[in-house]
PDB file of N, CA and C in Angstrom:
ATOM      1  N   MET A   1    -202.098 120.929  -1.248  1.00  0.00           N
ATOM      2  CA  MET A   1    -201.323 121.323  -2.465  1.00  0.00           C
ATOM      3  C   MET A   1    -200.048 120.441  -2.582  1.00  0.00           C
ATOM      4  N   ALA A   2    -199.312 120.287  -1.600  1.00  0.00           N
ATOM      5  CA  ALA A   2    -198.122 119.395  -1.808  1.00  0.00           C
ATOM      6  C   ALA A   2    -198.476 117.973  -2.068  1.00  0.00           C
ATOM      7  N   GLN A   3    -199.633 117.478  -1.590  1.00  0.00           N
ATOM      8  CA  GLN A   3    -200.001 116.094  -1.929  1.00  0.00           C
ATOM      9  C   GLN A   3    -200.310 115.987  -3.471  1.00  0.00           C
ATOM     10  N   SER A   4    -200.943 116.996  -3.899  1.00  0.00           N
ATOM     11  CA  SER A   4    -201.260 116.853  -5.484  1.00  0.00           C
ATOM     12  C   SER A   4    -200.005 116.979  -6.273  1.00  0.00           C
ATOM     13  N   ILE A   5    -199.083 117.866  -5.868  1.00  0.00           N
ATOM     14  CA  ILE A   5    -197.769 118.035  -6.541  1.00  0.00           C
ATOM     15  C   ILE A   5    -197.076 116.711  -6.374  1.00  0.00           C
ATOM     16  N   ALA A   6    -197.096 115.997  -5.221  1.00  0.00           N
ATOM     17  CA  ALA A   6    -196.435 114.737  -5.108  1.00  0.00           C
ATOM     18  C   ALA A   6    -197.011 113.637  -5.918  1.00  0.00           C
ATOM     19  N   ALA A   7    -198.343 113.648  -6.196  1.00  0.00           N
ATOM     20  CA  ALA A   7    -199.028 112.618  -7.019  1.00  0.00           C
ATOM     21  C   ALA A   7    -198.547 112.851  -8.396  1.00  0.00           C
ATOM     22  N   ASN A   8    -198.442 114.139  -8.767  1.00  0.00           N
ATOM     23  CA  ASN A   8    -198.101 114.455 -10.281  1.00  0.00           C
ATOM     24  C   ASN A   8    -196.620 113.915 -10.437  1.00  0.00           C
ATOM     25  N   PHE A   9    -195.771 114.317  -9.528  1.00  0.00           N
ATOM     26  CA  PHE A   9    -194.330 113.843  -9.726  1.00  0.00           C
ATOM     27  C   PHE A   9    -194.217 112.292  -9.592  1.00  0.00           C
ATOM     28  N   TRP A  10    -195.043 111.745  -8.679  1.00  0.00           N
ATOM     29  CA  TRP A  10    -194.876 110.207  -8.425  1.00  0.00           C
ATOM     30  C   TRP A  10    -195.273 109.583  -9.845  1.00  0.00           C
ATOM     31  N   ASN A  11    -196.299 109.968 -10.495  1.00  0.00           N
ATOM     32  CA  ASN A  11    -196.618 109.375 -11.782  1.00  0.00           C
ATOM     33  C   ASN A  11    -195.485 109.499 -12.842  1.00  0.00           C
ATOM     34  N   ARG A  12    -194.881 110.639 -12.826  1.00  0.00           N
ATOM     35  CA  ARG A  12    -193.834 110.816 -13.888  1.00  0.00           C
ATOM     36  C   ARG A  12    -192.627 110.047 -13.332  1.00  0.00           C
ATOM     37  N   VAL A  13    -192.275 110.020 -12.153  1.00  0.00           N
ATOM     38  CA  VAL A  13    -191.046 109.196 -11.691  1.00  0.00           C
ATOM     39  C   VAL A  13    -191.279 107.699 -11.935  1.00  0.00           C
ATOM     40  N   THR A  14    -192.361 107.246 -11.454  1.00  0.00           N
ATOM     41  CA  THR A  14    -192.551 105.764 -11.489  1.00  0.00           C
ATOM     42  C   THR A  14    -192.509 105.271 -12.876  1.00  0.00           C
ATOM     43  N   HIS A  15    -193.025 106.134 -13.953  1.00  0.00           N
ATOM     44  CA  HIS A  15    -192.969 105.665 -15.252  1.00  0.00           C
ATOM     45  C   HIS A  15    -191.495 105.773 -15.773  1.00  0.00           C
ATOM     46  N   SER A  16    -190.718 106.688 -15.192  1.00  0.00           N
ATOM     47  CA  SER A  16    -189.303 106.715 -15.618  1.00  0.00           C
ATOM     48  C   SER A  16    -188.496 105.453 -15.249  1.00  0.00           C
ATOM     49  N   PHE A  17    -188.999 104.700 -14.188  1.00  0.00           N
ATOM     50  CA  PHE A  17    -188.338 103.482 -13.771  1.00  0.00           C
ATOM     51  C   PHE A  17    -188.831 102.312 -14.449  1.00  0.00           C
ATOM     52  N   GLY A  18    -189.124 102.494 -15.834  1.00  0.00           N
ATOM     53  CA  GLY A  18    -189.394 101.257 -16.671  1.00  0.00           C
ATOM     54  C   GLY A  18    -190.747 101.417 -17.293  1.00  0.00           C
ATOM     55  N   GLY A  19    -191.537 102.477 -17.016  1.00  0.00           N
ATOM     56  CA  GLY A  19    -192.766 102.701 -17.769  1.00  0.00           C
ATOM     57  C   GLY A  19    -193.902 101.923 -17.236  1.00  0.00           C
ATOM     58  N   SER A  20    -193.667 100.778 -16.665  1.00  0.00           N
ATOM     59  CA  SER A  20    -194.770 100.097 -16.193  1.00  0.00           C
ATOM     60  C   SER A  20    -194.466  99.488 -14.869  1.00  0.00           C
ATOM     61  N   LEU A  21    -195.400  99.229 -14.032  1.00  0.00           N
ATOM     62  CA  LEU A  21    -195.120  98.677 -12.630  1.00  0.00           C
ATOM     63  C   LEU A  21    -195.752  97.354 -12.462  1.00  0.00           C
ATOM     64  N   GLU A  22    -195.687  96.649 -13.580  1.00  0.00           N
ATOM     65  CA  GLU A  22    -196.258  95.181 -13.635  1.00  0.00           C
ATOM     66  C   GLU A  22    -195.479  94.380 -12.597  1.00  0.00           C
ATOM     67  N   GLY A  23    -196.283  93.664 -11.836  1.00  0.00           N
ATOM     68  CA  GLY A  23    -195.642  92.801 -10.846  1.00  0.00           C
ATOM     69  C   GLY A  23    -195.635  93.423  -9.461  1.00  0.00           C
ATOM     70  N   HIS A  24    -196.087  94.671  -9.383  1.00  0.00           N
ATOM     71  CA  HIS A  24    -195.999  95.334  -8.104  1.00  0.00           C
ATOM     72  C   HIS A  24    -197.664  95.464  -7.695  1.00  0.00           C
ATOM     73  N   ALA A  25    -197.858  95.572  -6.496  1.00  0.00           N
ATOM     74  CA  ALA A  25    -199.247  95.712  -5.959  1.00  0.00           C
ATOM     75  C   ALA A  25    -199.893  97.014  -6.570  1.00  0.00           C
ATOM     76  N   SER A  26    -201.106  97.053  -6.793  1.00  0.00           N
ATOM     77  CA  SER A  26    -201.743  98.090  -7.324  1.00  0.00           C
ATOM     78  C   SER A  26    -201.405  99.504  -6.580  1.00  0.00           C
ATOM     79  N   THR A  27    -201.372  99.310  -5.216  1.00  0.00           N
ATOM     80  CA  THR A  27    -201.117 100.530  -4.422  1.00  0.00           C
ATOM     81  C   THR A  27    -199.676 101.063  -4.592  1.00  0.00           C
ATOM     82  N   SER A  28    -198.849 100.397  -5.200  1.00  0.00           N
ATOM     83  CA  SER A  28    -197.503 100.878  -5.582  1.00  0.00           C
ATOM     84  C   SER A  28    -197.618 101.922  -6.519  1.00  0.00           C
ATOM     85  N   ASN A  29    -198.556 101.983  -7.303  1.00  0.00           N
ATOM     86  CA  ASN A  29    -198.788 102.904  -8.483  1.00  0.00           C
ATOM     87  C   ASN A  29    -199.294 104.245  -7.903  1.00  0.00           C
ATOM     88  N   THR A  30    -199.676 104.295  -6.651  1.00  0.00           N
ATOM     89  CA  THR A  30    -200.276 105.547  -6.131  1.00  0.00           C
ATOM     90  C   THR A  30    -199.117 106.420  -5.384  1.00  0.00           C
ATOM     91  N   ALA A  31    -199.297 107.694  -5.285  1.00  0.00           N
ATOM     92  CA  ALA A  31    -198.502 108.603  -4.620  1.00  0.00           C
ATOM     93  C   ALA A  31    -198.551 108.322  -3.173  1.00  0.00           C
ATOM     94  N   PRO A  32    -197.375 108.543  -2.487  1.00  0.00           N
ATOM     95  CA  PRO A  32    -197.430 108.441  -1.049  1.00  0.00           C
ATOM     96  C   PRO A  32    -198.379 109.444  -0.298  1.00  0.00           C
ATOM     97  N   SER A  33    -198.968 108.967   0.719  1.00  0.00           N
ATOM     98  CA  SER A  33    -199.865 109.777   1.534  1.00  0.00           C
ATOM     99  C   SER A  33    -199.410 109.663   2.925  1.00  0.00           C
ATOM    100  N   VAL A  34    -199.810 110.718   3.727  1.00  0.00           N
ATOM    101  CA  VAL A  34    -199.525 110.665   5.117  1.00  0.00           C
ATOM    102  C   VAL A  34    -200.111 109.347   5.732  1.00  0.00           C
ATOM    103  N   GLY A  35    -199.318 108.653   6.496  1.00  0.00           N
ATOM    104  CA  GLY A  35    -199.611 107.432   7.149  1.00  0.00           C
ATOM    105  C   GLY A  35    -199.182 106.102   6.452  1.00  0.00           C
ATOM    106  N   ASP A  36    -198.789 106.380   5.132  1.00  0.00           N
ATOM    107  CA  ASP A  36    -198.404 105.142   4.395  1.00  0.00           C
ATOM    108  C   ASP A  36    -197.120 104.627   4.967  1.00  0.00           C
ATOM    109  N   ARG A  37    -196.818 103.297   4.841  1.00  0.00           N
ATOM    110  CA  ARG A  37    -195.741 102.659   5.366  1.00  0.00           C
ATOM    111  C   ARG A  37    -194.906 102.101   4.195  1.00  0.00           C
ATOM    112  N   TYR A  38    -193.659 102.348   4.401  1.00  0.00           N
ATOM    113  CA  TYR A  38    -192.687 101.861   3.374  1.00  0.00           C
ATOM    114  C   TYR A  38    -191.568 101.102   4.073  1.00  0.00           C
ATOM    115  N   ALA A  39    -191.152 100.050   3.504  1.00  0.00           N
ATOM    116  CA  ALA A  39    -190.025  99.132   4.006  1.00  0.00           C
ATOM    117  C   ALA A  39    -188.871  99.282   2.972  1.00  0.00           C
ATOM    118  N   GLN A  40    -187.693  99.396   3.652  1.00  0.00           N
ATOM    119  CA  GLN A  40    -186.528  99.386   2.743  1.00  0.00           C
ATOM    120  C   GLN A  40    -186.234  97.920   2.396  1.00  0.00           C
ATOM    121  N   THR A  41    -185.676  97.661   1.181  1.00  0.00           N
ATOM    122  CA  THR A  41    -185.499  96.373   0.651  1.00  0.00           C
ATOM    123  C   THR A  41    -184.342  95.617   1.276  1.00  0.00           C
ATOM    124  N   THR A  42    -183.476  96.291   1.981  1.00  0.00           N
ATOM    125  CA  THR A  42    -182.306  95.489   2.561  1.00  0.00           C
ATOM    126  C   THR A  42    -182.884  94.720   3.801  1.00  0.00           C
ATOM    127  N   GLN A  43    -182.283  93.490   4.016  1.00  0.00           N
ATOM    128  CA  GLN A  43    -182.724  92.641   5.051  1.00  0.00           C
ATOM    129  C   GLN A  43    -182.525  93.384   6.550  1.00  0.00           C
ATOM    130  N   GLY A  44    -183.651  93.311   7.214  1.00  0.00           N
ATOM    131  CA  GLY A  44    -183.614  93.711   8.498  1.00  0.00           C
ATOM    132  C   GLY A  44    -183.806  95.271   8.722  1.00  0.00           C
ATOM    133  N   ALA A  45    -184.031  95.930   7.588  1.00  0.00           N
ATOM    134  CA  ALA A  45    -184.211  97.362   7.586  1.00  0.00           C
ATOM    135  C   ALA A  45    -185.603  97.763   8.160  1.00  0.00           C
ATOM    136  N   PRO A  46    -185.565  98.834   8.804  1.00  0.00           N
ATOM    137  CA  PRO A  46    -187.011  99.361   9.441  1.00  0.00           C
ATOM    138  C   PRO A  46    -188.051  99.709   8.501  1.00  0.00           C
ATOM    139  N   VAL A  47    -189.214  99.660   8.961  1.00  0.00           N
ATOM    140  CA  VAL A  47    -190.328 100.227   8.291  1.00  0.00           C
ATOM    141  C   VAL A  47    -190.479 101.704   8.576  1.00  0.00           C
ATOM    142  N   TRP A  48    -190.799 102.560   7.506  1.00  0.00           N
ATOM    143  CA  TRP A  48    -190.913 103.908   7.783  1.00  0.00           C
ATOM    144  C   TRP A  48    -192.291 104.328   7.413  1.00  0.00           C
ATOM    145  N   ILE A  49    -192.703 105.343   8.240  1.00  0.00           N
ATOM    146  CA  ILE A  49    -194.184 105.869   8.091  1.00  0.00           C
ATOM    147  C   ILE A  49    -194.047 107.229   7.599  1.00  0.00           C
ATOM    148  N   VAL A  50    -194.921 107.555   6.471  1.00  0.00           N
ATOM    149  CA  VAL A  50    -195.004 108.902   5.996  1.00  0.00           C
ATOM    150  C   VAL A  50    -195.537 109.850   6.942  1.00  0.00           C
ATOM    151  N   GLU A  51    -194.852 110.903   7.349  1.00  0.00           N
ATOM    152  CA  GLU A  51    -195.384 111.915   8.288  1.00  0.00           C
ATOM    153  C   GLU A  51    -195.930 113.134   7.565  1.00  0.00           C
ATOM    154  N   ASN A  52    -195.204 113.552   6.520  1.00  0.00           N
ATOM    155  CA  ASN A  52    -195.708 114.693   5.626  1.00  0.00           C
ATOM    156  C   ASN A  52    -194.886 114.687   4.396  1.00  0.00           C
ATOM    157  N   ILE A  53    -195.562 115.486   3.399  1.00  0.00           N
ATOM    158  CA  ILE A  53    -194.912 115.688   2.246  1.00  0.00           C
ATOM    159  C   ILE A  53    -194.738 117.115   1.867  1.00  0.00           C
ATOM    160  N   LEU A  54    -193.597 117.550   1.514  1.00  0.00           N
ATOM    161  CA  LEU A  54    -193.378 119.039   1.345  1.00  0.00           C
ATOM    162  C   LEU A  54    -192.818 119.328   0.030  1.00  0.00           C
ATOM    163  N   SER A  55    -193.231 120.520  -0.622  1.00  0.00           N
ATOM    164  CA  SER A  55    -192.536 121.011  -1.791  1.00  0.00           C
ATOM    165  C   SER A  55    -191.666 122.061  -1.430  1.00  0.00           C
ATOM    166  N   VAL A  56    -190.407 121.968  -1.789  1.00  0.00           N
ATOM    167  CA  VAL A  56    -189.404 122.972  -1.545  1.00  0.00           C
ATOM    168  C   VAL A  56    -188.807 123.439  -2.786  1.00  0.00           C
ATOM    169  N   THR A  57    -188.254 124.609  -2.901  1.00  0.00           N
ATOM    170  CA  THR A  57    -187.692 125.126  -4.147  1.00  0.00           C
ATOM    171  C   THR A  57    -186.314 124.518  -4.343  1.00  0.00           C
ATOM    172  N   ALA A  58    -185.679 124.002  -3.317  1.00  0.00           N
ATOM    173  CA  ALA A  58    -184.326 123.496  -3.542  1.00  0.00           C
ATOM    174  C   ALA A  58    -184.405 122.047  -4.049  1.00  0.00           C
ATOM    175  N   SER A  59    -185.553 121.503  -4.111  1.00  0.00           N
ATOM    176  CA  SER A  59    -185.566 120.019  -4.682  1.00  0.00           C
ATOM    177  C   SER A  59    -186.540 119.977  -5.828  1.00  0.00           C
ATOM    178  N   ARG A  60    -186.071 119.256  -6.851  1.00  0.00           N
ATOM    179  CA  ARG A  60    -186.874 119.068  -8.080  1.00  0.00           C
ATOM    180  C   ARG A  60    -188.053 118.332  -7.773  1.00  0.00           C
ATOM    181  N   TYR A  61    -188.110 117.343  -6.844  1.00  0.00           N
ATOM    182  CA  TYR A  61    -189.314 116.638  -6.405  1.00  0.00           C
ATOM    183  C   TYR A  61    -189.683 116.943  -4.952  1.00  0.00           C
ATOM    184  N   PRO A  62    -190.967 116.654  -4.731  1.00  0.00           N
ATOM    185  CA  PRO A  62    -191.363 116.969  -3.294  1.00  0.00           C
ATOM    186  C   PRO A  62    -190.590 115.978  -2.364  1.00  0.00           C
ATOM    187  N   LEU A  63    -190.387 116.564  -1.068  1.00  0.00           N
ATOM    188  CA  LEU A  63    -189.650 115.742  -0.145  1.00  0.00           C
ATOM    189  C   LEU A  63    -190.681 115.076   0.852  1.00  0.00           C
ATOM    190  N   VAL A  64    -190.422 113.936   1.264  1.00  0.00           N
ATOM    191  CA  VAL A  64    -191.129 113.068   2.238  1.00  0.00           C
ATOM    192  C   VAL A  64    -190.474 112.883   3.430  1.00  0.00           C
ATOM    193  N   ARG A  65    -191.133 113.232   4.534  1.00  0.00           N
ATOM    194  CA  ARG A  65    -190.515 113.070   5.883  1.00  0.00           C
ATOM    195  C   ARG A  65    -191.032 111.769   6.513  1.00  0.00           C
ATOM    196  N   LEU A  66    -190.160 110.748   6.824  1.00  0.00           N
ATOM    197  CA  LEU A  66    -190.551 109.559   7.275  1.00  0.00           C
ATOM    198  C   LEU A  66    -190.090 109.425   8.759  1.00  0.00           C
ATOM    199  N   THR A  67    -190.854 108.716   9.484  1.00  0.00           N
ATOM    200  CA  THR A  67    -190.413 108.289  10.909  1.00  0.00           C
ATOM    201  C   THR A  67    -190.289 106.807  10.888  1.00  0.00           C
ATOM    202  N   SER A  68    -189.472 106.295  11.748  1.00  0.00           N
ATOM    203  CA  SER A  68    -189.312 104.779  11.950  1.00  0.00           C
ATOM    204  C   SER A  68    -190.455 104.242  12.829  1.00  0.00           C
ATOM    205  N   GLU A  69    -191.010 103.095  12.360  1.00  0.00           N
ATOM    206  CA  GLU A  69    -192.138 102.551  12.976  1.00  0.00           C
ATOM    207  C   GLU A  69    -191.765 102.044  14.403  1.00  0.00           C
ATOM    208  N   LYS A  70    -190.557 101.518  14.631  1.00  0.00           N
ATOM    209  CA  LYS A  70    -190.165 101.065  15.883  1.00  0.00           C
ATOM    210  C   LYS A  70    -189.622 102.246  16.756  1.00  0.00           C
ATOM    211  N   TYR A  71    -188.901 103.207  16.188  1.00  0.00           N
ATOM    212  CA  TYR A  71    -188.317 104.217  16.897  1.00  0.00           C
ATOM    213  C   TYR A  71    -188.797 105.636  16.387  1.00  0.00           C
ATOM    214  N   PRO A  72    -189.905 106.180  16.768  1.00  0.00           N
ATOM    215  CA  PRO A  72    -190.585 107.300  16.197  1.00  0.00           C
ATOM    216  C   PRO A  72    -189.700 108.508  16.265  1.00  0.00           C
ATOM    217  N   ASP A  73    -188.689 108.519  17.141  1.00  0.00           N
ATOM    218  CA  ASP A  73    -187.756 109.626  17.155  1.00  0.00           C
ATOM    219  C   ASP A  73    -186.738 109.773  16.088  1.00  0.00           C
ATOM    220  N   LEU A  74    -186.665 108.698  15.297  1.00  0.00           N
ATOM    221  CA  LEU A  74    -185.803 108.569  14.121  1.00  0.00           C
ATOM    222  C   LEU A  74    -186.493 109.153  12.825  1.00  0.00           C
ATOM    223  N   LEU A  75    -185.858 110.123  12.231  1.00  0.00           N
ATOM    224  CA  LEU A  75    -186.453 110.754  11.040  1.00  0.00           C
ATOM    225  C   LEU A  75    -185.526 110.484   9.815  1.00  0.00           C
ATOM    226  N   LYS A  76    -186.180 110.497   8.745  1.00  0.00           N
ATOM    227  CA  LYS A  76    -185.497 110.309   7.471  1.00  0.00           C
ATOM    228  C   LYS A  76    -186.298 111.201   6.531  1.00  0.00           C
ATOM    229  N   ILE A  77    -185.476 112.045   5.698  1.00  0.00           N
ATOM    230  CA  ILE A  77    -186.256 112.761   4.677  1.00  0.00           C
ATOM    231  C   ILE A  77    -185.677 112.382   3.296  1.00  0.00           C
ATOM    232  N   VAL A  78    -186.674 111.980   2.489  1.00  0.00           N
ATOM    233  CA  VAL A  78    -186.189 111.422   1.148  1.00  0.00           C
ATOM    234  C   VAL A  78    -187.077 112.009   0.024  1.00  0.00           C
ATOM    235  N   SER A  79    -186.592 112.107  -1.123  1.00  0.00           N
ATOM    236  CA  SER A  79    -187.418 112.625  -2.300  1.00  0.00           C
ATOM    237  C   SER A  79    -188.423 111.576  -2.703  1.00  0.00           C
ATOM    238  N   VAL A  80    -189.497 112.126  -3.179  1.00  0.00           N
ATOM    239  CA  VAL A  80    -190.593 111.201  -3.600  1.00  0.00           C
ATOM    240  C   VAL A  80    -190.147 110.213  -4.693  1.00  0.00           C
ATOM    241  N   SER A  81    -189.119 110.669  -5.386  1.00  0.00           N
ATOM    242  CA  SER A  81    -188.491 109.751  -6.473  1.00  0.00           C
ATOM    243  C   SER A  81    -187.794 108.623  -5.734  1.00  0.00           C
ATOM    244  N   THR A  82    -187.376 108.852  -4.608  1.00  0.00           N
ATOM    245  CA  THR A  82    -186.609 107.634  -3.798  1.00  0.00           C
ATOM    246  C   THR A  82    -187.577 106.693  -3.467  1.00  0.00           C
ATOM    247  N   LEU A  83    -188.803 107.093  -3.037  1.00  0.00           N
ATOM    248  CA  LEU A  83    -189.731 106.046  -2.715  1.00  0.00           C
ATOM    249  C   LEU A  83    -190.396 105.296  -3.906  1.00  0.00           C
ATOM    250  N   ALA A  84    -190.314 105.921  -4.941  1.00  0.00           N
ATOM    251  CA  ALA A  84    -190.750 105.297  -6.225  1.00  0.00           C
ATOM    252  C   ALA A  84    -189.768 104.200  -6.837  1.00  0.00           C
ATOM    253  N   ASP A  85    -188.503 104.302  -6.274  1.00  0.00           N
ATOM    254  CA  ASP A  85    -187.577 103.411  -6.697  1.00  0.00           C
ATOM    255  C   ASP A  85    -187.690 101.963  -6.033  1.00  0.00           C
ATOM    256  N   HIS A  86    -188.338 101.041  -6.637  1.00  0.00           N
ATOM    257  CA  HIS A  86    -188.609  99.796  -5.969  1.00  0.00           C
ATOM    258  C   HIS A  86    -187.433  98.848  -5.661  1.00  0.00           C
ATOM    259  N   ASP A  87    -186.325  99.334  -6.115  1.00  0.00           N
ATOM    260  CA  ASP A  87    -185.128  98.609  -5.726  1.00  0.00           C
ATOM    261  C   ASP A  87    -184.696  99.019  -4.285  1.00  0.00           C
ATOM    262  N   GLU A  88    -185.174 100.126  -3.886  1.00  0.00           N
ATOM    263  CA  GLU A  88    -184.772 100.614  -2.592  1.00  0.00           C
ATOM    264  C   GLU A  88    -185.878 100.568  -1.554  1.00  0.00           C
ATOM    265  N   PHE A  89    -187.123 100.860  -1.940  1.00  0.00           N
ATOM    266  CA  PHE A  89    -188.320 100.884  -0.988  1.00  0.00           C
ATOM    267  C   PHE A  89    -189.411 100.135  -1.517  1.00  0.00           C
ATOM    268  N   THR A  90    -190.226  99.518  -0.698  1.00  0.00           N
ATOM    269  CA  THR A  90    -191.467  98.828  -1.173  1.00  0.00           C
ATOM    270  C   THR A  90    -192.520  99.177  -0.186  1.00  0.00           C
ATOM    271  N   ARG A  91    -193.816  99.371  -0.687  1.00  0.00           N
ATOM    272  CA  ARG A  91    -194.824  99.746   0.190  1.00  0.00           C
ATOM    273  C   ARG A  91    -195.172  98.513   1.113  1.00  0.00           C
ATOM    274  N   ALA A  92    -195.178  98.818   2.359  1.00  0.00           N
ATOM    275  CA  ALA A  92    -195.511  97.824   3.392  1.00  0.00           C
ATOM    276  C   ALA A  92    -197.073  97.707   3.679  1.00  0.00           C
ATOM    277  N   HIS A  93    -197.507  96.591   4.013  1.00  0.00           N
ATOM    278  CA  HIS A  93    -199.033  96.457   4.285  1.00  0.00           C
ATOM    279  C   HIS A  93    -199.152  96.143   5.786  1.00  0.00           C
TER     280      HIS A  93
END
């Protein structure tokens, strides 16, 4: 259920960042799924792996729990809208 809610919000949010995602890989247009990898755009930043996606009443958008690829004990929780912001995160291959 949270996965489909995340996909719905993902489509709305990514279009709010300019309406089009031209110039990005076609997978950038899809909602995050468990196991997807995202890199922060800052130099030397870690790669994060999607652990799960949760819908909570306290957040307008679903929340995504990420773990560091190099240090799995490090966690980060971000809104799905944060992952959609290509100035901060890009999908890693």
